[in-house]
Structure formats: C-alpha cells, structure tokens
Amino acid sequence: MADIPLSPPSAGGAARRLLPAPALCGFLLLLALVFSVSYAAGSAAGPVAPGMHGTGSTGSSGGSGGSDGGGGGMDDMPGMGHGSGE
C-alpha cells in the first residue's frame, strides 16, 4: 500500500521549517534579557576601583600599584633584562 497524502502540501510548511524552534527563540530572548540586566546593574554600581586607569592613559599616574606610566611594569623587576645577558 502506498502512502498517499490526504491533503496537498501547503506553503506554510516550508516557512515553518525555516524558522528556529520556539525554545531557541525563548532562550535567546532570555539571554538578551540577562545581559541587559547585568549591564544596567554594572552601570548603576559604577567602577570597581575608581583609582585604576586603563592601559591607554599617557603620562605618569602618581598613584599606587607600582605603575611606571609607560605601560611595561616588568622593566623594574630584577633579572628582567630582555636578553641583555645579565
């Protein structure tokens, strides 16, 4: 006995196959919501360490932390001559 479809295939079936699963859409929506809430909470809390500056700052920062203002920081350590044969 041959399988005979009872109704002709509709155009809605092809569009339904192209759409992602509803669970995937819900997960992506929840993920976007969690990231939005965490970003808003971080913005409201402010900087974690107000005295810290990014690596893009120029000049000497007279603050603590052993920063030399040049961005290297490793040149002042003993034995770090970068291959100078010390």
Protein backbone atom coordinates (compact mmCIF):
# COMPACT_ATOMS: atom_id res chain seq x y z
CA MET A 1 0.00 0.00 0.00
CA ALA A 2 1.40 3.38 -0.95
CA ASP A 3 1.42 6.34 1.39
CA ILE A 4 -0.93 8.87 -0.15
CA PRO A 5 -1.07 12.30 1.49
CA LEU A 6 -4.58 13.31 2.50
CA SER A 7 -4.02 16.99 1.72
CA PRO A 8 -1.64 18.76 -0.64
CA PRO A 9 1.48 20.29 0.96
CA SER A 10 0.89 23.87 1.96
CA ALA A 11 3.28 26.81 1.65
CA GLY A 12 3.17 27.25 5.43
CA GLY A 13 5.09 24.01 5.92
CA ALA A 14 8.16 25.36 4.10
CA ALA A 15 8.12 28.57 6.13
CA ARG A 16 7.74 26.60 9.36
CA ARG A 17 10.88 24.58 8.57
CA LEU A 18 12.93 27.76 8.06
CA LEU A 19 12.04 29.30 11.43
CA PRO A 20 14.08 28.27 14.50
CA ALA A 21 12.46 26.28 17.27
CA PRO A 22 10.39 28.29 19.78
CA ALA A 23 12.61 27.05 22.61
CA LEU A 24 15.67 28.53 20.85
CA CYS A 25 13.91 31.87 20.40
CA GLY A 26 12.93 31.88 24.08
CA PHE A 27 16.48 31.05 25.14
CA LEU A 28 17.94 33.87 23.03
CA LEU A 29 15.38 36.30 24.42
CA LEU A 30 16.21 35.24 27.98
CA LEU A 31 19.94 35.55 27.25
CA ALA A 32 19.49 39.10 25.93
CA LEU A 33 17.41 39.98 29.00
CA VAL A 34 20.08 38.66 31.39
CA PHE A 35 22.84 40.60 29.63
CA SER A 36 20.73 43.78 29.65
CA VAL A 37 20.01 43.49 33.38
CA SER A 38 23.67 42.77 34.21
CA TYR A 39 24.82 45.74 32.12
CA ALA A 40 22.33 48.03 33.86
CA ALA A 41 23.42 46.77 37.28
CA GLY A 42 27.09 47.32 36.42
CA SER A 43 26.40 50.82 35.18
CA ALA A 44 24.48 51.66 38.34
CA ALA A 45 27.23 50.27 40.60
CA GLY A 46 29.94 52.35 38.96
CA PRO A 47 33.62 51.50 38.63
CA VAL A 48 35.03 48.77 40.86
CA ALA A 49 38.31 50.56 41.57
CA PRO A 50 38.00 54.31 40.90
CA GLY A 51 41.77 54.87 41.18
CA MET A 52 42.63 52.44 38.39
CA HIS A 53 43.29 53.75 34.90
CA GLY A 54 43.25 51.89 31.63
CA THR A 55 46.37 50.99 29.67
CA GLY A 56 45.65 53.74 27.15
CA SER A 57 46.43 56.60 29.57
CA THR A 58 49.51 58.70 28.84
CA GLY A 59 51.90 60.28 31.28
CA SER A 60 52.80 59.27 34.79
CA SER A 61 49.93 58.44 37.10
CA GLY A 62 51.36 59.19 40.58
CA GLY A 63 49.08 56.52 42.08
CA SER A 64 49.94 53.35 43.90
CA GLY A 65 50.29 49.92 42.38
CA GLY A 66 53.82 50.09 41.00
CA SER A 67 52.84 51.63 37.69
CA ASP A 68 55.66 53.32 35.86
CA GLY A 69 53.35 55.22 33.50
CA GLY A 70 54.94 53.60 30.46
CA GLY A 71 52.83 50.51 30.34
CA GLY A 72 55.57 47.88 30.81
CA GLY A 73 55.93 47.42 34.52
CA MET A 74 58.26 44.44 34.08
CA ASP A 75 61.41 46.52 33.38
CA ASP A 76 61.87 47.36 37.07
CA MET A 77 61.97 43.72 38.15
CA PRO A 78 65.41 42.24 38.83
CA GLY A 79 66.62 39.76 36.24
CA MET A 80 64.27 41.00 33.51
CA GLY A 81 66.81 42.39 31.10
CA HIS A 82 65.06 41.11 27.93
CA GLY A 83 68.01 39.08 26.74
CA SER A 84 70.75 41.52 27.63
CA GLY A 85 72.92 38.72 29.05
CA GLU A 86 72.84 39.72 32.71
